[in-house]
Protein backbone atom coordinates (compact mmCIF):
# COMPACT_ATOMS: atom_id res chain seq x y z
CA MET A 1 41.47 -46.29 60.06
CA GLN A 2 38.08 -45.63 58.45
CA LEU A 3 34.87 -47.31 59.62
CA TYR A 4 34.74 -49.23 56.33
CA GLU A 5 38.23 -50.65 56.99
CA ILE A 6 37.24 -51.68 60.51
CA GLY A 7 34.20 -53.47 59.08
CA GLN A 8 36.39 -55.31 56.59
CA SER A 9 38.79 -56.39 59.34
CA VAL A 10 35.95 -57.60 61.57
CA ALA A 11 34.32 -59.52 58.71
CA LYS A 12 37.62 -61.16 57.75
CA ARG A 13 38.44 -62.21 61.29
CA ARG A 14 34.88 -63.42 61.91
CA SER A 15 35.18 -65.59 58.80
CA GLU A 16 38.55 -66.95 59.92
CA LEU A 17 37.00 -67.95 63.26
CA ASP A 18 33.92 -69.42 61.51
CA LEU A 19 31.55 -67.27 63.58
CA THR A 20 28.12 -66.03 62.57
CA GLN A 21 27.22 -62.39 63.13
CA ALA A 22 24.94 -63.48 65.96
CA GLN A 23 27.77 -65.43 67.65
CA LEU A 24 30.13 -62.48 67.31
CA ALA A 25 27.51 -60.13 68.75
CA LYS A 26 26.98 -62.39 71.74
CA LEU A 27 30.72 -62.79 72.38
CA SER A 28 31.38 -59.07 72.03
CA GLY A 29 28.44 -57.96 74.12
CA LEU A 30 26.96 -55.97 71.22
CA SER A 31 23.41 -56.29 70.01
CA GLY A 32 22.99 -58.03 66.67
CA SER A 33 22.00 -54.78 64.99
CA ARG A 34 25.13 -53.02 66.24
CA SER A 35 27.48 -55.75 65.02
CA THR A 36 25.74 -55.78 61.63
CA ARG A 37 26.52 -52.09 61.24
CA LEU A 38 30.23 -52.92 61.37
CA LYS A 39 30.16 -55.12 58.32
CA PRO A 40 31.57 -53.61 55.16
CA ALA A 41 29.20 -52.17 52.57
CA ARG A 42 28.81 -54.22 49.42
């Protein structure tokens, strides 16, 4: 699985759970900047 595909999966699941990037970062233990890097490129 490519990094882009992982980002897509994370973004989709985050949307399904109605979480913000900040909430996801806090729950996952990642900094906000790290979790942002996982989002798919537009």
